[in-house]
PDB file of N, CA and C in Angstrom:
ATOM      1  N   MET A   1       4.722   0.266  -4.747  1.00  0.00           N
ATOM      2  CA  MET A   1       4.879  -0.789  -3.738  1.00  0.00           C
ATOM      3  C   MET A   1       5.287  -0.155  -2.421  1.00  0.00           C
ATOM      4  N   CYS A   2       4.700  -0.599  -1.371  1.00  0.00           N
ATOM      5  CA  CYS A   2       5.041  -0.114  -0.041  1.00  0.00           C
ATOM      6  C   CYS A   2       6.414  -0.639   0.345  1.00  0.00           C
ATOM      7  N   ARG A   3       7.308   0.236   0.693  1.00  0.00           N
ATOM      8  CA  ARG A   3       8.671  -0.171   1.023  1.00  0.00           C
ATOM      9  C   ARG A   3       8.754  -1.002   2.294  1.00  0.00           C
ATOM     10  N   ASN A   4       7.754  -0.928   3.147  1.00  0.00           N
ATOM     11  CA  ASN A   4       7.782  -1.661   4.412  1.00  0.00           C
ATOM     12  C   ASN A   4       7.358  -3.110   4.273  1.00  0.00           C
ATOM     13  N   ILE A   5       6.821  -3.481   3.142  1.00  0.00           N
ATOM     14  CA  ILE A   5       6.405  -4.863   2.932  1.00  0.00           C
ATOM     15  C   ILE A   5       7.543  -5.590   2.227  1.00  0.00           C
ATOM     16  N   THR A   6       8.035  -6.649   2.859  1.00  0.00           N
ATOM     17  CA  THR A   6       9.162  -7.378   2.309  1.00  0.00           C
ATOM     18  C   THR A   6       8.690  -8.647   1.601  1.00  0.00           C
ATOM     19  N   THR A   7       9.552  -9.182   0.765  1.00  0.00           N
ATOM     20  CA  THR A   7       9.259 -10.419   0.050  1.00  0.00           C
ATOM     21  C   THR A   7       9.224 -11.579   1.036  1.00  0.00           C
ATOM     22  N   LEU A   8       8.179 -12.367   0.983  1.00  0.00           N
ATOM     23  CA  LEU A   8       8.027 -13.502   1.889  1.00  0.00           C
ATOM     24  C   LEU A   8       8.356 -14.827   1.216  1.00  0.00           C
ATOM     25  N   ARG A   9       8.272 -14.870  -0.073  1.00  0.00           N
ATOM     26  CA  ARG A   9       8.530 -16.101  -0.824  1.00  0.00           C
ATOM     27  C   ARG A   9      10.022 -16.418  -0.805  1.00  0.00           C
ATOM     28  N   GLY A  10      10.357 -17.647  -0.452  1.00  0.00           N
ATOM     29  CA  GLY A  10      11.741 -18.097  -0.502  1.00  0.00           C
ATOM     30  C   GLY A  10      12.527 -17.903   0.772  1.00  0.00           C
ATOM     31  N   LEU A  11      11.853 -17.521   1.850  1.00  0.00           N
ATOM     32  CA  LEU A  11      12.557 -17.333   3.119  1.00  0.00           C
ATOM     33  C   LEU A  11      12.986 -18.674   3.699  1.00  0.00           C
ATOM     34  N   GLU A  12      14.107 -18.666   4.378  1.00  0.00           N
ATOM     35  CA  GLU A  12      14.583 -19.835   5.122  1.00  0.00           C
ATOM     36  C   GLU A  12      14.899 -19.385   6.532  1.00  0.00           C
ATOM     37  N   PRO A  13      14.278 -19.955   7.536  1.00  0.00           N
ATOM     38  CA  PRO A  13      13.188 -20.924   7.479  1.00  0.00           C
ATOM     39  C   PRO A  13      11.958 -20.295   6.818  1.00  0.00           C
ATOM     40  N   PRO A  14      11.021 -21.145   6.395  1.00  0.00           N
ATOM     41  CA  PRO A  14       9.835 -20.644   5.682  1.00  0.00           C
ATOM     42  C   PRO A  14       9.064 -19.592   6.486  1.00  0.00           C
ATOM     43  N   VAL A  15       8.331 -18.792   5.752  1.00  0.00           N
ATOM     44  CA  VAL A  15       7.533 -17.722   6.343  1.00  0.00           C
ATOM     45  C   VAL A  15       6.560 -18.295   7.379  1.00  0.00           C
ATOM     46  N   THR A  16       6.324 -17.529   8.429  1.00  0.00           N
ATOM     47  CA  THR A  16       5.413 -17.947   9.494  1.00  0.00           C
ATOM     48  C   THR A  16       4.051 -17.265   9.322  1.00  0.00           C
ATOM     49  N   PRO A  17       3.020 -17.818   9.936  1.00  0.00           N
ATOM     50  CA  PRO A  17       1.709 -17.146   9.893  1.00  0.00           C
ATOM     51  C   PRO A  17       1.776 -15.729  10.463  1.00  0.00           C
ATOM     52  N   GLU A  18       2.594 -15.517  11.480  1.00  0.00           N
ATOM     53  CA  GLU A  18       2.724 -14.180  12.070  1.00  0.00           C
ATOM     54  C   GLU A  18       3.323 -13.193  11.073  1.00  0.00           C
ATOM     55  N   GLU A  19       4.296 -13.645  10.286  1.00  0.00           N
ATOM     56  CA  GLU A  19       4.913 -12.771   9.283  1.00  0.00           C
ATOM     57  C   GLU A  19       3.928 -12.449   8.168  1.00  0.00           C
ATOM     58  N   ILE A  20       3.127 -13.429   7.786  1.00  0.00           N
ATOM     59  CA  ILE A  20       2.107 -13.193   6.759  1.00  0.00           C
ATOM     60  C   ILE A  20       1.080 -12.193   7.272  1.00  0.00           C
ATOM     61  N   GLU A  21       0.638 -12.362   8.506  1.00  0.00           N
ATOM     62  CA  GLU A  21      -0.342 -11.419   9.065  1.00  0.00           C
ATOM     63  C   GLU A  21       0.240 -10.019   9.177  1.00  0.00           C
ATOM     64  N   ALA A  22       1.491  -9.903   9.593  1.00  0.00           N
ATOM     65  CA  ALA A  22       2.125  -8.585   9.714  1.00  0.00           C
ATOM     66  C   ALA A  22       2.200  -7.892   8.350  1.00  0.00           C
ATOM     67  N   ALA A  23       2.539  -8.639   7.313  1.00  0.00           N
ATOM     68  CA  ALA A  23       2.594  -8.063   5.970  1.00  0.00           C
ATOM     69  C   ALA A  23       1.196  -7.655   5.505  1.00  0.00           C
ATOM     70  N   ALA A  24       0.201  -8.496   5.769  1.00  0.00           N
ATOM     71  CA  ALA A  24      -1.176  -8.180   5.392  1.00  0.00           C
ATOM     72  C   ALA A  24      -1.653  -6.930   6.124  1.00  0.00           C
ATOM     73  N   ARG A  25      -1.334  -6.847   7.397  1.00  0.00           N
ATOM     74  CA  ARG A  25      -1.729  -5.690   8.206  1.00  0.00           C
ATOM     75  C   ARG A  25      -1.086  -4.405   7.662  1.00  0.00           C
ATOM     76  N   GLN A  26       0.188  -4.481   7.303  1.00  0.00           N
ATOM     77  CA  GLN A  26       0.881  -3.314   6.755  1.00  0.00           C
ATOM     78  C   GLN A  26       0.259  -2.888   5.424  1.00  0.00           C
ATOM     79  N   TYR A  27      -0.045  -3.867   4.579  1.00  0.00           N
ATOM     80  CA  TYR A  27      -0.677  -3.568   3.295  1.00  0.00           C
ATOM     81  C   TYR A  27      -2.035  -2.881   3.503  1.00  0.00           C
ATOM     82  N   VAL A  28      -2.858  -3.435   4.383  1.00  0.00           N
ATOM     83  CA  VAL A  28      -4.188  -2.858   4.623  1.00  0.00           C
ATOM     84  C   VAL A  28      -4.062  -1.460   5.225  1.00  0.00           C
ATOM     85  N   ARG A  29      -3.102  -1.257   6.122  1.00  0.00           N
ATOM     86  CA  ARG A  29      -2.869   0.088   6.668  1.00  0.00           C
ATOM     87  C   ARG A  29      -2.547   1.068   5.539  1.00  0.00           C
ATOM     88  N   LYS A  30      -1.662   0.651   4.647  1.00  0.00           N
ATOM     89  CA  LYS A  30      -1.212   1.529   3.572  1.00  0.00           C
ATOM     90  C   LYS A  30      -2.357   1.890   2.638  1.00  0.00           C
ATOM     91  N   VAL A  31      -3.090   0.900   2.148  1.00  0.00           N
ATOM     92  CA  VAL A  31      -4.129   1.197   1.157  1.00  0.00           C
ATOM     93  C   VAL A  31      -5.358   1.871   1.767  1.00  0.00           C
ATOM     94  N   SER A  32      -5.611   1.633   3.057  1.00  0.00           N
ATOM     95  CA  SER A  32      -6.791   2.230   3.681  1.00  0.00           C
ATOM     96  C   SER A  32      -6.509   3.594   4.313  1.00  0.00           C
ATOM     97  N   GLY A  33      -5.244   3.833   4.635  1.00  0.00           N
ATOM     98  CA  GLY A  33      -4.918   5.068   5.350  1.00  0.00           C
ATOM     99  C   GLY A  33      -5.273   4.998   6.824  1.00  0.00           C
ATOM    100  N   VAL A  34      -5.655   3.824   7.311  1.00  0.00           N
ATOM    101  CA  VAL A  34      -6.020   3.634   8.713  1.00  0.00           C
ATOM    102  C   VAL A  34      -4.789   3.126   9.463  1.00  0.00           C
ATOM    103  N   GLN A  35      -4.230   3.954  10.312  1.00  0.00           N
ATOM    104  CA  GLN A  35      -3.066   3.549  11.088  1.00  0.00           C
ATOM    105  C   GLN A  35      -3.452   2.948  12.431  1.00  0.00           C
ATOM    106  N   SER A  36      -4.553   3.428  12.974  1.00  0.00           N
ATOM    107  CA  SER A  36      -5.056   2.944  14.253  1.00  0.00           C
ATOM    108  C   SER A  36      -6.572   2.787  14.113  1.00  0.00           C
ATOM    109  N   THR A  37      -7.065   1.584  14.377  1.00  0.00           N
ATOM    110  CA  THR A  37      -8.494   1.352  14.173  1.00  0.00           C
ATOM    111  C   THR A  37      -9.340   1.994  15.261  1.00  0.00           C
ATOM    112  N   SER A  38     -10.562   2.288  14.899  1.00  0.00           N
ATOM    113  CA  SER A  38     -11.561   2.806  15.833  1.00  0.00           C
ATOM    114  C   SER A  38     -12.761   1.868  15.754  1.00  0.00           C
ATOM    115  N   ALA A  39     -13.756   2.150  16.535  1.00  0.00           N
ATOM    116  CA  ALA A  39     -14.971   1.336  16.493  1.00  0.00           C
ATOM    117  C   ALA A  39     -15.581   1.350  15.096  1.00  0.00           C
ATOM    118  N   ALA A  40     -15.422   2.444  14.377  1.00  0.00           N
ATOM    119  CA  ALA A  40     -15.999   2.574  13.044  1.00  0.00           C
ATOM    120  C   ALA A  40     -15.208   1.820  11.976  1.00  0.00           C
ATOM    121  N   THR A  41     -13.918   1.561  12.233  1.00  0.00           N
ATOM    122  CA  THR A  41     -13.083   0.945  11.197  1.00  0.00           C
ATOM    123  C   THR A  41     -12.574  -0.454  11.536  1.00  0.00           C
ATOM    124  N   GLU A  42     -12.644  -0.852  12.782  1.00  0.00           N
ATOM    125  CA  GLU A  42     -12.009  -2.093  13.212  1.00  0.00           C
ATOM    126  C   GLU A  42     -12.514  -3.339  12.491  1.00  0.00           C
ATOM    127  N   GLU A  43     -13.822  -3.503  12.382  1.00  0.00           N
ATOM    128  CA  GLU A  43     -14.370  -4.718  11.770  1.00  0.00           C
ATOM    129  C   GLU A  43     -13.936  -4.851  10.312  1.00  0.00           C
ATOM    130  N   ALA A  44     -14.077  -3.791   9.539  1.00  0.00           N
ATOM    131  CA  ALA A  44     -13.686  -3.828   8.118  1.00  0.00           C
ATOM    132  C   ALA A  44     -12.177  -4.023   7.981  1.00  0.00           C
ATOM    133  N   PHE A  45     -11.408  -3.360   8.834  1.00  0.00           N
ATOM    134  CA  PHE A  45      -9.947  -3.456   8.790  1.00  0.00           C
ATOM    135  C   PHE A  45      -9.500  -4.890   9.070  1.00  0.00           C
ATOM    136  N   GLU A  46     -10.003  -5.485  10.132  1.00  0.00           N
ATOM    137  CA  GLU A  46      -9.598  -6.849  10.500  1.00  0.00           C
ATOM    138  C   GLU A  46     -10.057  -7.875   9.471  1.00  0.00           C
ATOM    139  N   ARG A  47     -11.232  -7.657   8.895  1.00  0.00           N
ATOM    140  CA  ARG A  47     -11.702  -8.559   7.837  1.00  0.00           C
ATOM    141  C   ARG A  47     -10.770  -8.466   6.633  1.00  0.00           C
ATOM    142  N   ALA A  48     -10.359  -7.268   6.262  1.00  0.00           N
ATOM    143  CA  ALA A  48      -9.440  -7.083   5.140  1.00  0.00           C
ATOM    144  C   ALA A  48      -8.092  -7.744   5.426  1.00  0.00           C
ATOM    145  N   VAL A  49      -7.605  -7.639   6.654  1.00  0.00           N
ATOM    146  CA  VAL A  49      -6.337  -8.283   7.017  1.00  0.00           C
ATOM    147  C   VAL A  49      -6.454  -9.794   6.829  1.00  0.00           C
ATOM    148  N   ARG A  50      -7.559 -10.383   7.285  1.00  0.00           N
ATOM    149  CA  ARG A  50      -7.753 -11.837   7.127  1.00  0.00           C
ATOM    150  C   ARG A  50      -7.801 -12.243   5.654  1.00  0.00           C
ATOM    151  N   ILE A  51      -8.501 -11.461   4.847  1.00  0.00           N
ATOM    152  CA  ILE A  51      -8.625 -11.770   3.418  1.00  0.00           C
ATOM    153  C   ILE A  51      -7.267 -11.679   2.732  1.00  0.00           C
ATOM    154  N   VAL A  52      -6.519 -10.625   3.019  1.00  0.00           N
ATOM    155  CA  VAL A  52      -5.201 -10.451   2.400  1.00  0.00           C
ATOM    156  C   VAL A  52      -4.241 -11.543   2.874  1.00  0.00           C
ATOM    157  N   ALA A  53      -4.286 -11.889   4.159  1.00  0.00           N
ATOM    158  CA  ALA A  53      -3.423 -12.955   4.681  1.00  0.00           C
ATOM    159  C   ALA A  53      -3.761 -14.286   4.023  1.00  0.00           C
ATOM    160  N   ASP A  54      -5.042 -14.603   3.896  1.00  0.00           N
ATOM    161  CA  ASP A  54      -5.454 -15.851   3.245  1.00  0.00           C
ATOM    162  C   ASP A  54      -5.013 -15.882   1.785  1.00  0.00           C
ATOM    163  N   ALA A  55      -5.167 -14.768   1.088  1.00  0.00           N
ATOM    164  CA  ALA A  55      -4.737 -14.695  -0.310  1.00  0.00           C
ATOM    165  C   ALA A  55      -3.223 -14.850  -0.418  1.00  0.00           C
ATOM    166  N   THR A  56      -2.497 -14.311   0.534  1.00  0.00           N
ATOM    167  CA  THR A  56      -1.034 -14.427   0.540  1.00  0.00           C
ATOM    168  C   THR A  56      -0.610 -15.868   0.745  1.00  0.00           C
ATOM    169  N   ILE A  57      -1.246 -16.559   1.680  1.00  0.00           N
ATOM    170  CA  ILE A  57      -0.942 -17.976   1.916  1.00  0.00           C
ATOM    171  C   ILE A  57      -1.196 -18.782   0.649  1.00  0.00           C
ATOM    172  N   GLU A  58      -2.330 -18.548   0.029  1.00  0.00           N
ATOM    173  CA  GLU A  58      -2.680 -19.272  -1.194  1.00  0.00           C
ATOM    174  C   GLU A  58      -1.661 -18.986  -2.302  1.00  0.00           C
ATOM    175  N   LEU A  59      -1.307 -17.730  -2.469  1.00  0.00           N
ATOM    176  CA  LEU A  59      -0.334 -17.350  -3.493  1.00  0.00           C
ATOM    177  C   LEU A  59       1.015 -18.023  -3.256  1.00  0.00           C
ATOM    178  N   LEU A  60       1.526 -17.939  -2.030  1.00  0.00           N
ATOM    179  CA  LEU A  60       2.830 -18.528  -1.726  1.00  0.00           C
ATOM    180  C   LEU A  60       2.815 -20.042  -1.894  1.00  0.00           C
ATOM    181  N   ASP A  61       1.695 -20.671  -1.569  1.00  0.00           N
ATOM    182  CA  ASP A  61       1.576 -22.126  -1.744  1.00  0.00           C
ATOM    183  C   ASP A  61       1.602 -22.537  -3.215  1.00  0.00           C
ATOM    184  N   GLU A  62       1.106 -21.683  -4.088  1.00  0.00           N
ATOM    185  CA  GLU A  62       0.979 -22.030  -5.502  1.00  0.00           C
ATOM    186  C   GLU A  62       2.193 -21.651  -6.352  1.00  0.00           C
ATOM    187  N   LEU A  63       3.035 -20.750  -5.861  1.00  0.00           N
ATOM    188  CA  LEU A  63       4.196 -20.331  -6.645  1.00  0.00           C
ATOM    189  C   LEU A  63       5.320 -21.349  -6.534  1.00  0.00           C
ATOM    190  N   PRO A  64       6.137 -21.482  -7.582  1.00  0.00           N
ATOM    191  CA  PRO A  64       7.286 -22.387  -7.492  1.00  0.00           C
ATOM    192  C   PRO A  64       8.329 -21.808  -6.539  1.00  0.00           C
ATOM    193  N   PRO A  65       9.235 -22.645  -6.044  1.00  0.00           N
ATOM    194  CA  PRO A  65      10.283 -22.139  -5.143  1.00  0.00           C
ATOM    195  C   PRO A  65      11.144 -21.085  -5.841  1.00  0.00           C
ATOM    196  N   ARG A  66      11.675 -20.189  -5.051  1.00  0.00           N
ATOM    197  CA  ARG A  66      12.602 -19.175  -5.583  1.00  0.00           C
ATOM    198  C   ARG A  66      13.972 -19.793  -5.781  1.00  0.00           C
ATOM    199  N   ARG A  67      14.699 -19.283  -6.731  1.00  0.00           N
ATOM    200  CA  ARG A  67      16.080 -19.738  -6.937  1.00  0.00           C
ATOM    201  C   ARG A  67      17.025 -19.094  -5.940  1.00  0.00           C
ATOM    202  N   ASN A  68      16.726 -17.857  -5.577  1.00  0.00           N
ATOM    203  CA  ASN A  68      17.552 -17.111  -4.630  1.00  0.00           C
ATOM    204  C   ASN A  68      16.668 -16.567  -3.511  1.00  0.00           C
ATOM    205  N   PRO A  69      17.205 -16.512  -2.301  1.00  0.00           N
ATOM    206  CA  PRO A  69      16.392 -15.954  -1.202  1.00  0.00           C
ATOM    207  C   PRO A  69      16.165 -14.459  -1.397  1.00  0.00           C
ATOM    208  N   PRO A  70      15.136 -13.912  -0.759  1.00  0.00           N
ATOM    209  CA  PRO A  70      14.899 -12.472  -0.855  1.00  0.00           C
ATOM    210  C   PRO A  70      16.075 -11.688  -0.273  1.00  0.00           C
ATOM    211  N   LYS A  71      16.240 -10.454  -0.717  1.00  0.00           N
ATOM    212  CA  LYS A  71      17.371  -9.629  -0.285  1.00  0.00           C
ATOM    213  C   LYS A  71      17.194  -9.043   1.108  1.00  0.00           C
ATOM    214  N   THR A  72      15.953  -8.911   1.561  1.00  0.00           N
ATOM    215  CA  THR A  72      15.702  -8.340   2.882  1.00  0.00           C
ATOM    216  C   THR A  72      14.894  -9.308   3.734  1.00  0.00           C
ATOM    217  N   GLU A  73      15.063  -9.176   5.044  1.00  0.00           N
ATOM    218  CA  GLU A  73      14.303  -9.988   6.004  1.00  0.00           C
ATOM    219  C   GLU A  73      13.019  -9.269   6.388  1.00  0.00           C
ATOM    220  N   PRO A  74      11.974 -10.017   6.692  1.00  0.00           N
ATOM    221  CA  PRO A  74      10.763  -9.382   7.212  1.00  0.00           C
ATOM    222  C   PRO A  74      11.060  -8.707   8.559  1.00  0.00           C
ATOM    223  N   PRO A  75      10.300  -7.655   8.882  1.00  0.00           N
ATOM    224  CA  PRO A  75      10.542  -6.919  10.124  1.00  0.00           C
ATOM    225  C   PRO A  75      10.543  -7.777  11.387  1.00  0.00           C
ATOM    226  N   LEU A  76       9.657  -8.774  11.469  1.00  0.00           N
ATOM    227  CA  LEU A  76       9.616  -9.609  12.680  1.00  0.00           C
ATOM    228  C   LEU A  76      10.926 -10.364  12.867  1.00  0.00           C
ATOM    229  N   ARG A  77      11.578 -10.764  11.793  1.00  0.00           N
ATOM    230  CA  ARG A  77      12.865 -11.460  11.909  1.00  0.00           C
ATOM    231  C   ARG A  77      13.975 -10.486  12.305  1.00  0.00           C
ATOM    232  N   ARG A  78      13.922  -9.286  11.778  1.00  0.00           N
ATOM    233  CA  ARG A  78      14.927  -8.280  12.167  1.00  0.00           C
ATOM    234  C   ARG A  78      14.796  -7.962  13.653  1.00  0.00           C
ATOM    235  N   LEU A  79      13.559  -7.828  14.126  1.00  0.00           N
ATOM    236  CA  LEU A  79      13.342  -7.551  15.553  1.00  0.00           C
ATOM    237  C   LEU A  79      13.844  -8.695  16.430  1.00  0.00           C
ATOM    238  N   ALA A  80      13.546  -9.918  16.025  1.00  0.00           N
ATOM    239  CA  ALA A  80      13.965 -11.081  16.808  1.00  0.00           C
ATOM    240  C   ALA A  80      15.494 -11.195  16.866  1.00  0.00           C
ATOM    241  N   ARG A  81      16.145 -10.867  15.767  1.00  0.00           N
ATOM    242  CA  ARG A  81      17.603 -10.955  15.694  1.00  0.00           C
ATOM    243  C   ARG A  81      18.261  -9.874  16.541  1.00  0.00           C
ATOM    244  N   SER A  82      17.684  -8.676  16.554  1.00  0.00           N
ATOM    245  CA  SER A  82      18.311  -7.565  17.281  1.00  0.00           C
ATOM    246  C   SER A  82      17.893  -7.502  18.749  1.00  0.00           C
ATOM    247  N   GLY A  83      16.804  -8.164  19.081  1.00  0.00           N
ATOM    248  CA  GLY A  83      16.253  -8.019  20.420  1.00  0.00           C
ATOM    249  C   GLY A  83      16.673  -9.060  21.337  1.00  0.00           C
TER     250      GLY A  83
END
């Protein structure tokens, strides 16, 4: 598991589309090895991000609520809190 991807299920306030996209983008970066897109990789990379984000939304919608909140905050929330 990529250590940079945090648990999104059970967040309060609920996860945002931006947080889902950021997690999807991090996942696609990790599995593809593409850190910065080029003309040769951009279309496939962005399509993969959309697919992973859509699958994440569907998964989170179908899972039951968590009993306890996740132990860590997503990076976008940490940035907003510190910035």
